[in-house]
Amino acid sequence: YQFPHQPIEVVCGYRSPETNALLREEGERGVA
């Protein structure tokens, strides 16, 4: 509503527990 006339780009939505664990193992910053 505050940024009309352009789509919101989705980078990451749902993340399975397996994917989340893999990203943590790979050292991705900010992956809780």
Full PDB file with SEQRES, HELIX, SHEET, SSBOND, CRYST1, ORIGX, SCALE, CONECT and MASTER records, all heavy atoms in Angstrom:
SEQRES   1 A   32  TYR GLN PHE PRO HIS GLN PRO ILE GLU VAL VAL CYS GLY          
SEQRES   2 A   32  TYR ARG SER PRO GLU THR ASN ALA LEU LEU ARG GLU GLU          
SEQRES   3 A   32  GLY GLU ARG GLY VAL ALA                                      
HELIX    1 AA1 PRO A   17  GLU A   25  1                                   9    
CRYST1    1.000    1.000    1.000  90.00  90.00  90.00 P 1           1          
ORIGX1      1.000000  0.000000  0.000000        0.00000                         
ORIGX2      0.000000  1.000000  0.000000        0.00000                         
ORIGX3      0.000000  0.000000  1.000000        0.00000                         
SCALE1      1.000000  0.000000  0.000000        0.00000                         
SCALE2      0.000000  1.000000  0.000000        0.00000                         
SCALE3      0.000000  0.000000  1.000000        0.00000                         
ATOM      1  N   TYR A   1       0.836  -1.204   0.000  1.00  0.00           N  
ATOM      2  CA  TYR A   1       0.000   0.000   0.000  1.00  0.00           C  
ATOM      3  C   TYR A   1       0.869   1.252   0.000  1.00  0.00           C  
ATOM      4  O   TYR A   1       0.493   2.284  -0.547  1.00  0.00           O  
ATOM      5  CB  TYR A   1      -0.913  -0.032   1.222  1.00  0.00           C  
ATOM      6  CG  TYR A   1      -1.957   1.064   1.260  1.00  0.00           C  
ATOM      7  CD1 TYR A   1      -3.144   0.929   0.550  1.00  0.00           C  
ATOM      8  CD2 TYR A   1      -1.766   2.220   2.019  1.00  0.00           C  
ATOM      9  CE1 TYR A   1      -4.116   1.919   0.587  1.00  0.00           C  
ATOM     10  CE2 TYR A   1      -2.729   3.213   2.056  1.00  0.00           C  
ATOM     11  CZ  TYR A   1      -3.895   3.063   1.345  1.00  0.00           C  
ATOM     12  OH  TYR A   1      -4.852   4.052   1.383  1.00  0.00           O  
ATOM     13  N   GLN A   2       2.056   1.148   0.614  1.00  0.00           N  
ATOM     14  CA  GLN A   2       2.959   2.293   0.685  1.00  0.00           C  
ATOM     15  C   GLN A   2       3.909   2.371  -0.503  1.00  0.00           C  
ATOM     16  O   GLN A   2       4.520   3.420  -0.739  1.00  0.00           O  
ATOM     17  CB  GLN A   2       3.783   2.226   1.978  1.00  0.00           C  
ATOM     18  CG  GLN A   2       2.938   2.239   3.243  1.00  0.00           C  
ATOM     19  CD  GLN A   2       3.781   2.165   4.494  1.00  0.00           C  
ATOM     20  OE1 GLN A   2       4.644   3.015   4.728  1.00  0.00           O  
ATOM     21  NE2 GLN A   2       3.552   1.147   5.314  1.00  0.00           N  
ATOM     22  N   PHE A   3       4.046   1.269  -1.232  1.00  0.00           N  
ATOM     23  CA  PHE A   3       4.914   1.229  -2.415  1.00  0.00           C  
ATOM     24  C   PHE A   3       4.105   0.708  -3.599  1.00  0.00           C  
ATOM     25  O   PHE A   3       4.345  -0.401  -4.087  1.00  0.00           O  
ATOM     26  CB  PHE A   3       6.130   0.340  -2.158  1.00  0.00           C  
ATOM     27  CG  PHE A   3       7.007   0.804  -1.029  1.00  0.00           C  
ATOM     28  CD1 PHE A   3       6.813   0.315   0.256  1.00  0.00           C  
ATOM     29  CD2 PHE A   3       8.011   1.733  -1.243  1.00  0.00           C  
ATOM     30  CE1 PHE A   3       7.620   0.739   1.304  1.00  0.00           C  
ATOM     31  CE2 PHE A   3       8.819   2.172  -0.202  1.00  0.00           C  
ATOM     32  CZ  PHE A   3       8.620   1.678   1.071  1.00  0.00           C  
ATOM     33  N   PRO A   4       3.130   1.487  -4.073  1.00  0.00           N  
ATOM     34  CA  PRO A   4       2.239   1.007  -5.125  1.00  0.00           C  
ATOM     35  C   PRO A   4       2.935   0.934  -6.491  1.00  0.00           C  
ATOM     36  O   PRO A   4       4.049   1.436  -6.669  1.00  0.00           O  
ATOM     37  CB  PRO A   4       1.122   2.046  -5.128  1.00  0.00           C  
ATOM     38  CG  PRO A   4       1.794   3.310  -4.673  1.00  0.00           C  
ATOM     39  CD  PRO A   4       2.826   2.873  -3.659  1.00  0.00           C  
ATOM     40  N   HIS A   5       2.266   0.301  -7.415  1.00  0.00           N  
ATOM     41  CA  HIS A   5       2.687   0.248  -8.817  1.00  0.00           C  
ATOM     42  C   HIS A   5       3.975  -0.537  -9.028  1.00  0.00           C  
ATOM     43  O   HIS A   5       4.668  -0.336 -10.031  1.00  0.00           O  
ATOM     44  CB  HIS A   5       2.837   1.656  -9.402  1.00  0.00           C  
ATOM     45  CG  HIS A   5       1.691   2.559  -9.115  1.00  0.00           C  
ATOM     46  ND1 HIS A   5       0.387   2.255  -9.458  1.00  0.00           N  
ATOM     47  CD2 HIS A   5       1.636   3.770  -8.490  1.00  0.00           C  
ATOM     48  CE1 HIS A   5      -0.419   3.233  -9.070  1.00  0.00           C  
ATOM     49  NE2 HIS A   5       0.309   4.154  -8.466  1.00  0.00           N  
ATOM     50  N   GLN A   6       4.314  -1.414  -8.098  1.00  0.00           N  
ATOM     51  CA  GLN A   6       5.438  -2.311  -8.307  1.00  0.00           C  
ATOM     52  C   GLN A   6       5.199  -3.572  -7.477  1.00  0.00           C  
ATOM     53  O   GLN A   6       4.632  -3.513  -6.388  1.00  0.00           O  
ATOM     54  CB  GLN A   6       6.763  -1.657  -7.924  1.00  0.00           C  
ATOM     55  CG  GLN A   6       6.869  -1.188  -6.487  1.00  0.00           C  
ATOM     56  CD  GLN A   6       8.225  -0.554  -6.189  1.00  0.00           C  
ATOM     57  OE1 GLN A   6       9.259  -1.053  -6.607  1.00  0.00           O  
ATOM     58  NE2 GLN A   6       8.209   0.566  -5.478  1.00  0.00           N  
ATOM     59  N   PRO A   7       5.613  -4.717  -8.002  1.00  0.00           N  
ATOM     60  CA  PRO A   7       5.421  -5.956  -7.236  1.00  0.00           C  
ATOM     61  C   PRO A   7       6.423  -6.056  -6.098  1.00  0.00           C  
ATOM     62  O   PRO A   7       7.466  -5.401  -6.100  1.00  0.00           O  
ATOM     63  CB  PRO A   7       5.678  -7.044  -8.284  1.00  0.00           C  
ATOM     64  CG  PRO A   7       6.659  -6.410  -9.221  1.00  0.00           C  
ATOM     65  CD  PRO A   7       6.253  -4.959  -9.303  1.00  0.00           C  
ATOM     66  N   ILE A   8       6.086  -6.871  -5.135  1.00  0.00           N  
ATOM     67  CA  ILE A   8       7.039  -7.232  -4.097  1.00  0.00           C  
ATOM     68  C   ILE A   8       7.763  -8.491  -4.559  1.00  0.00           C  
ATOM     69  O   ILE A   8       7.129  -9.483  -4.920  1.00  0.00           O  
ATOM     70  CB  ILE A   8       6.328  -7.480  -2.758  1.00  0.00           C  
ATOM     71  CG1 ILE A   8       5.764  -6.168  -2.204  1.00  0.00           C  
ATOM     72  CG2 ILE A   8       7.285  -8.112  -1.742  1.00  0.00           C  
ATOM     73  CD1 ILE A   8       4.971  -6.325  -0.924  1.00  0.00           C  
ATOM     74  N   GLU A   9       9.077  -8.433  -4.586  1.00  0.00           N  
ATOM     75  CA  GLU A   9       9.874  -9.587  -5.006  1.00  0.00           C  
ATOM     76  C   GLU A   9      10.130 -10.499  -3.804  1.00  0.00           C  
ATOM     77  O   GLU A   9      10.679 -10.055  -2.793  1.00  0.00           O  
ATOM     78  CB  GLU A   9      11.196  -9.134  -5.620  1.00  0.00           C  
ATOM     79  CG  GLU A   9      11.041  -8.408  -6.939  1.00  0.00           C  
ATOM     80  CD  GLU A   9      12.362  -8.162  -7.636  1.00  0.00           C  
ATOM     81  OE1 GLU A   9      13.426  -8.523  -7.072  1.00  0.00           O  
ATOM     82  OE2 GLU A   9      12.346  -7.619  -8.750  1.00  0.00           O  
ATOM     83  N   VAL A  10       9.727 -11.745  -3.932  1.00  0.00           N  
ATOM     84  CA  VAL A  10       9.922 -12.734  -2.876  1.00  0.00           C  
ATOM     85  C   VAL A  10      11.252 -13.446  -3.108  1.00  0.00           C  
ATOM     86  O   VAL A  10      11.458 -14.079  -4.151  1.00  0.00           O  
ATOM     87  CB  VAL A  10       8.773 -13.754  -2.855  1.00  0.00           C  
ATOM     88  CG1 VAL A  10       9.042 -14.856  -1.821  1.00  0.00           C  
ATOM     89  CG2 VAL A  10       7.451 -13.058  -2.557  1.00  0.00           C  
ATOM     90  N   VAL A  11      12.152 -13.341  -2.147  1.00  0.00           N  
ATOM     91  CA  VAL A  11      13.447 -14.008  -2.217  1.00  0.00           C  
ATOM     92  C   VAL A  11      13.384 -15.378  -1.559  1.00  0.00           C  
ATOM     93  O   VAL A  11      13.889 -16.370  -2.084  1.00  0.00           O  
ATOM     94  CB  VAL A  11      14.543 -13.146  -1.553  1.00  0.00           C  
ATOM     95  CG1 VAL A  11      15.889 -13.871  -1.573  1.00  0.00           C  
ATOM     96  CG2 VAL A  11      14.648 -11.794  -2.244  1.00  0.00           C  
ATOM     97  N   CYS A  12      12.728 -15.435  -0.399  1.00  0.00           N  
ATOM     98  CA  CYS A  12      12.598 -16.703   0.332  1.00  0.00           C  
ATOM     99  C   CYS A  12      11.338 -16.651   1.176  1.00  0.00           C  
ATOM    100  O   CYS A  12      11.126 -15.690   1.916  1.00  0.00           O  
ATOM    101  CB  CYS A  12      13.820 -16.940   1.221  1.00  0.00           C  
ATOM    102  SG  CYS A  12      13.729 -18.437   2.237  1.00  0.00           S  
ATOM    103  N   GLY A  13      10.504 -17.668   1.059  1.00  0.00           N  
ATOM    104  CA  GLY A  13       9.303 -17.779   1.878  1.00  0.00           C  
ATOM    105  C   GLY A  13       9.440 -18.937   2.849  1.00  0.00           C  
ATOM    106  O   GLY A  13      10.249 -18.896   3.768  1.00  0.00           O  
ATOM    107  N   TYR A  14       8.659 -19.991   2.612  1.00  0.00           N  
ATOM    108  CA  TYR A  14       8.767 -21.178   3.461  1.00  0.00           C  
ATOM    109  C   TYR A  14      10.134 -21.827   3.277  1.00  0.00           C  
ATOM    110  O   TYR A  14      10.690 -21.869   2.170  1.00  0.00           O  
ATOM    111  CB  TYR A  14       7.668 -22.178   3.120  1.00  0.00           C  
ATOM    112  CG  TYR A  14       7.868 -23.533   3.755  1.00  0.00           C  
ATOM    113  CD1 TYR A  14       7.868 -23.679   5.139  1.00  0.00           C  
ATOM    114  CD2 TYR A  14       8.079 -24.670   2.967  1.00  0.00           C  
ATOM    115  CE1 TYR A  14       8.063 -24.921   5.729  1.00  0.00           C  
ATOM    116  CE2 TYR A  14       8.266 -25.918   3.548  1.00  0.00           C  
ATOM    117  CZ  TYR A  14       8.266 -26.033   4.926  1.00  0.00           C  
ATOM    118  OH  TYR A  14       8.467 -27.262   5.505  1.00  0.00           O  
ATOM    119  N   ARG A  15      10.666 -22.341   4.371  1.00  0.00           N  
ATOM    120  CA  ARG A  15      11.941 -23.059   4.346  1.00  0.00           C  
ATOM    121  C   ARG A  15      11.771 -24.320   5.193  1.00  0.00           C  
ATOM    122  O   ARG A  15      11.444 -24.227   6.377  1.00  0.00           O  
ATOM    123  CB  ARG A  15      13.052 -22.173   4.903  1.00  0.00           C  
ATOM    124  CG  ARG A  15      14.465 -22.717   4.734  1.00  0.00           C  
ATOM    125  CD  ARG A  15      15.457 -21.837   5.478  1.00  0.00           C  
ATOM    126  NE  ARG A  15      15.511 -20.481   4.959  1.00  0.00           N  
ATOM    127  CZ  ARG A  15      15.813 -19.412   5.692  1.00  0.00           C  
ATOM    128  NH1 ARG A  15      16.046 -19.550   6.991  1.00  0.00           N  
ATOM    129  NH2 ARG A  15      15.870 -18.228   5.143  1.00  0.00           N  
ATOM    130  N   SER A  16      11.951 -25.489   4.593  1.00  0.00           N  
ATOM    131  CA  SER A  16      11.785 -26.737   5.337  1.00  0.00           C  
ATOM    132  C   SER A  16      12.868 -26.855   6.401  1.00  0.00           C  
ATOM    133  O   SER A  16      13.937 -26.247   6.290  1.00  0.00           O  
ATOM    134  CB  SER A  16      11.863 -27.931   4.383  1.00  0.00           C  
ATOM    135  OG  SER A  16      13.188 -28.071   3.883  1.00  0.00           O  
ATOM    136  N   PRO A  17      12.621 -27.656   7.439  1.00  0.00           N  
ATOM    137  CA  PRO A  17      13.659 -27.856   8.449  1.00  0.00           C  
ATOM    138  C   PRO A  17      14.961 -28.374   7.856  1.00  0.00           C  
ATOM    139  O   PRO A  17      16.050 -27.989   8.290  1.00  0.00           O  
ATOM    140  CB  PRO A  17      13.029 -28.887   9.397  1.00  0.00           C  
ATOM    141  CG  PRO A  17      11.553 -28.673   9.244  1.00  0.00           C  
ATOM    142  CD  PRO A  17      11.353 -28.325   7.801  1.00  0.00           C  
ATOM    143  N   GLU A  18      14.860 -29.245   6.834  1.00  0.00           N  
ATOM    144  CA  GLU A  18      16.057 -29.792   6.201  1.00  0.00           C  
ATOM    145  C   GLU A  18      16.844 -28.700   5.480  1.00  0.00           C  
ATOM    146  O   GLU A  18      18.080 -28.632   5.595  1.00  0.00           O  
ATOM    147  CB  GLU A  18      15.670 -30.899   5.214  1.00  0.00           C  
ATOM    148  CG  GLU A  18      15.044 -32.121   5.837  1.00  0.00           C  
ATOM    149  CD  GLU A  18      13.579 -31.949   6.210  1.00  0.00           C  
ATOM    150  OE1 GLU A  18      12.975 -30.939   5.767  1.00  0.00           O  
ATOM    151  OE2 GLU A  18      13.033 -32.800   6.942  1.00  0.00           O  
ATOM    152  N   THR A  19      16.140 -27.845   4.746  1.00  0.00           N  
ATOM    153  CA  THR A  19      16.813 -26.751   4.045  1.00  0.00           C  
ATOM    154  C   THR A  19      17.415 -25.773   5.035  1.00  0.00           C  
ATOM    155  O   THR A  19      18.532 -25.284   4.852  1.00  0.00           O  
ATOM    156  CB  THR A  19      15.822 -26.026   3.118  1.00  0.00           C  
ATOM    157  OG1 THR A  19      15.389 -26.926   2.095  1.00  0.00           O  
ATOM    158  CG2 THR A  19      16.467 -24.809   2.474  1.00  0.00           C  
ATOM    159  N   ASN A  20      16.679 -25.476   6.096  1.00  0.00           N  
ATOM    160  CA  ASN A  20      17.184 -24.545   7.102  1.00  0.00           C  
ATOM    161  C   ASN A  20      18.477 -25.075   7.732  1.00  0.00           C  
ATOM    162  O   ASN A  20      19.455 -24.334   7.916  1.00  0.00           O  
ATOM    163  CB  ASN A  20      16.122 -24.324   8.177  1.00  0.00           C  
ATOM    164  CG  ASN A  20      16.370 -23.089   9.007  1.00  0.00           C  
ATOM    165  OD1 ASN A  20      16.185 -21.963   8.550  1.00  0.00           O  
ATOM    166  ND2 ASN A  20      16.798 -23.282  10.249  1.00  0.00           N  
ATOM    167  N   ALA A  21      18.491 -26.381   8.050  1.00  0.00           N  
ATOM    168  CA  ALA A  21      19.686 -26.988   8.636  1.00  0.00           C  
ATOM    169  C   ALA A  21      20.848 -26.951   7.655  1.00  0.00           C  
ATOM    170  O   ALA A  21      22.001 -26.690   8.040  1.00  0.00           O  
ATOM    171  CB  ALA A  21      19.384 -28.427   9.049  1.00  0.00           C  
ATOM    172  N   LEU A  22      20.563 -27.187   6.378  1.00  0.00           N  
ATOM    173  CA  LEU A  22      21.615 -27.154   5.358  1.00  0.00           C  
ATOM    174  C   LEU A  22      22.230 -25.769   5.239  1.00  0.00           C  
ATOM    175  O   LEU A  22      23.462 -25.626   5.162  1.00  0.00           O  
ATOM    176  CB  LEU A  22      21.035 -27.590   4.005  1.00  0.00           C  
ATOM    177  CG  LEU A  22      22.000 -27.549   2.813  1.00  0.00           C  
ATOM    178  CD1 LEU A  22      23.156 -28.507   3.024  1.00  0.00           C  
ATOM    179  CD2 LEU A  22      21.256 -27.868   1.516  1.00  0.00           C  
ATOM    180  N   LEU A  23      21.390 -24.743   5.241  1.00  0.00           N  
ATOM    181  CA  LEU A  23      21.892 -23.375   5.136  1.00  0.00           C  
ATOM    182  C   LEU A  23      22.744 -23.010   6.347  1.00  0.00           C  
ATOM    183  O   LEU A  23      23.757 -22.311   6.226  1.00  0.00           O  
ATOM    184  CB  LEU A  23      20.730 -22.397   4.992  1.00  0.00           C  
ATOM    185  CG  LEU A  23      19.940 -22.498   3.684  1.00  0.00           C  
ATOM    186  CD1 LEU A  23      18.760 -21.526   3.694  1.00  0.00           C  
ATOM    187  CD2 LEU A  23      20.832 -22.217   2.480  1.00  0.00           C  
ATOM    188  N   ARG A  24      22.340 -23.492   7.516  1.00  0.00           N  
ATOM    189  CA  ARG A  24      23.145 -23.241   8.717  1.00  0.00           C  
ATOM    190  C   ARG A  24      24.494 -23.945   8.621  1.00  0.00           C  
ATOM    191  O   ARG A  24      25.534 -23.381   8.983  1.00  0.00           O  
ATOM    192  CB  ARG A  24      22.392 -23.701   9.963  1.00  0.00           C  
ATOM    193  CG  ARG A  24      21.266 -22.748  10.380  1.00  0.00           C  
ATOM    194  CD  ARG A  24      20.468 -23.305  11.558  1.00  0.00           C  
ATOM    195  NE  ARG A  24      21.303 -23.606  12.716  1.00  0.00           N  
ATOM    196  CZ  ARG A  24      21.706 -22.686  13.597  1.00  0.00           C  
ATOM    197  NH1 ARG A  24      21.345 -21.415  13.448  1.00  0.00           N  
ATOM    198  NH2 ARG A  24      22.444 -23.038  14.641  1.00  0.00           N  
ATOM    199  N   GLU A  25      24.501 -25.160   8.095  1.00  0.00           N  
ATOM    200  CA  GLU A  25      25.752 -25.897   7.926  1.00  0.00           C  
ATOM    201  C   GLU A  25      26.677 -25.191   6.937  1.00  0.00           C  
ATOM    202  O   GLU A  25      27.904 -25.246   7.073  1.00  0.00           O  
ATOM    203  CB  GLU A  25      25.459 -27.320   7.444  1.00  0.00           C  
ATOM    204  CG  GLU A  25      24.816 -28.220   8.498  1.00  0.00           C  
ATOM    205  CD  GLU A  25      24.455 -29.575   7.940  1.00  0.00           C  
ATOM    206  OE1 GLU A  25      24.793 -29.843   6.761  1.00  0.00           O  
ATOM    207  OE2 GLU A  25      23.840 -30.375   8.676  1.00  0.00           O  
ATOM    208  N   GLU A  26      26.083 -24.547   5.935  1.00  0.00           N  
ATOM    209  CA  GLU A  26      26.875 -23.845   4.927  1.00  0.00           C  
ATOM    210  C   GLU A  26      27.330 -22.469   5.404  1.00  0.00           C  
ATOM    211  O   GLU A  26      28.022 -21.758   4.680  1.00  0.00           O  
ATOM    212  CB  GLU A  26      26.069 -23.710   3.635  1.00  0.00           C  
ATOM    213  CG  GLU A  26      25.814 -25.053   2.948  1.00  0.00           C  
ATOM    214  CD  GLU A  26      24.959 -24.909   1.703  1.00  0.00           C  
ATOM    215  OE1 GLU A  26      24.351 -23.820   1.520  1.00  0.00           O  
ATOM    216  OE2 GLU A  26      24.884 -25.877   0.926  1.00  0.00           O  
ATOM    217  N   GLY A  27      26.917 -22.094   6.622  1.00  0.00           N  
ATOM    218  CA  GLY A  27      27.386 -20.847   7.204  1.00  0.00           C  
ATOM    219  C   GLY A  27      26.642 -19.607   6.760  1.00  0.00           C  
ATOM    220  O   GLY A  27      27.175 -18.494   6.867  1.00  0.00           O  
ATOM    221  N   GLU A  28      25.404 -19.758   6.271  1.00  0.00           N  
ATOM    222  CA  GLU A  28      24.617 -18.591   5.883  1.00  0.00           C  
ATOM    223  C   GLU A  28      24.349 -17.717   7.108  1.00  0.00           C  
ATOM    224  O   GLU A  28      23.883 -18.197   8.142  1.00  0.00           O  
ATOM    225  CB  GLU A  28      23.291 -19.026   5.262  1.00  0.00           C  
ATOM    226  CG  GLU A  28      23.410 -19.639   3.877  1.00  0.00           C  
ATOM    227  CD  GLU A  28      23.654 -18.601   2.805  1.00  0.00           C  
ATOM    228  OE1 GLU A  28      23.360 -17.411   3.065  1.00  0.00           O  
ATOM    229  OE2 GLU A  28      24.131 -18.965   1.731  1.00  0.00           O  
ATOM    230  N   ARG A  29      24.620 -16.433   6.985  1.00  0.00           N  
ATOM    231  CA  ARG A  29      24.434 -15.526   8.112  1.00  0.00           C  
ATOM    232  C   ARG A  29      22.953 -15.260   8.365  1.00  0.00           C  
ATOM    233  O   ARG A  29      22.171 -15.101   7.429  1.00  0.00           O  
ATOM    234  CB  ARG A  29      25.144 -14.193   7.849  1.00  0.00           C  
ATOM    235  CG  ARG A  29      26.648 -14.304   7.746  1.00  0.00           C  
ATOM    236  CD  ARG A  29      27.280 -12.938   7.674  1.00  0.00           C  
ATOM    237  NE  ARG A  29      27.097 -12.193   8.928  1.00  0.00           N  
ATOM    238  CZ  ARG A  29      27.441 -10.917   9.083  1.00  0.00           C  
ATOM    239  NH1 ARG A  29      27.961 -10.235   8.080  1.00  0.00           N  
ATOM    240  NH2 ARG A  29      27.255 -10.314  10.248  1.00  0.00           N  
ATOM    241  N   GLY A  30      22.579 -15.200   9.642  1.00  0.00           N  
ATOM    242  CA  GLY A  30      21.215 -14.846  10.012  1.00  0.00           C  
ATOM    243  C   GLY A  30      20.210 -15.971   9.906  1.00  0.00           C  
ATOM    244  O   GLY A  30      19.018 -15.732  10.065  1.00  0.00           O  
ATOM    245  N   VAL A  31      20.655 -17.207   9.626  1.00  0.00           N  
ATOM    246  CA  VAL A  31      19.723 -18.341   9.562  1.00  0.00           C  
ATOM    247  C   VAL A  31      19.596 -18.940  10.955  1.00  0.00           C  
ATOM    248  O   VAL A  31      20.494 -19.610  11.449  1.00  0.00           O  
ATOM    249  CB  VAL A  31      20.211 -19.415   8.557  1.00  0.00           C  
ATOM    250  CG1 VAL A  31      19.229 -20.582   8.540  1.00  0.00           C  
ATOM    251  CG2 VAL A  31      20.353 -18.813   7.165  1.00  0.00           C  
ATOM    252  N   ALA A  32      18.472 -18.688  11.603  1.00  0.00           N  
ATOM    253  CA  ALA A  32      18.259 -19.159  12.972  1.00  0.00           C  
ATOM    254  C   ALA A  32      17.904 -20.638  12.987  1.00  0.00           C  
ATOM    255  O   ALA A  32      17.301 -21.165  12.052  1.00  0.00           O  
ATOM    256  CB  ALA A  32      17.148 -18.350  13.637  1.00  0.00           C  
TER     257      ALA A  32                                                      
MASTER        0    0    0    1    0    0    0    6  256    1    0    3          
END                                                                             
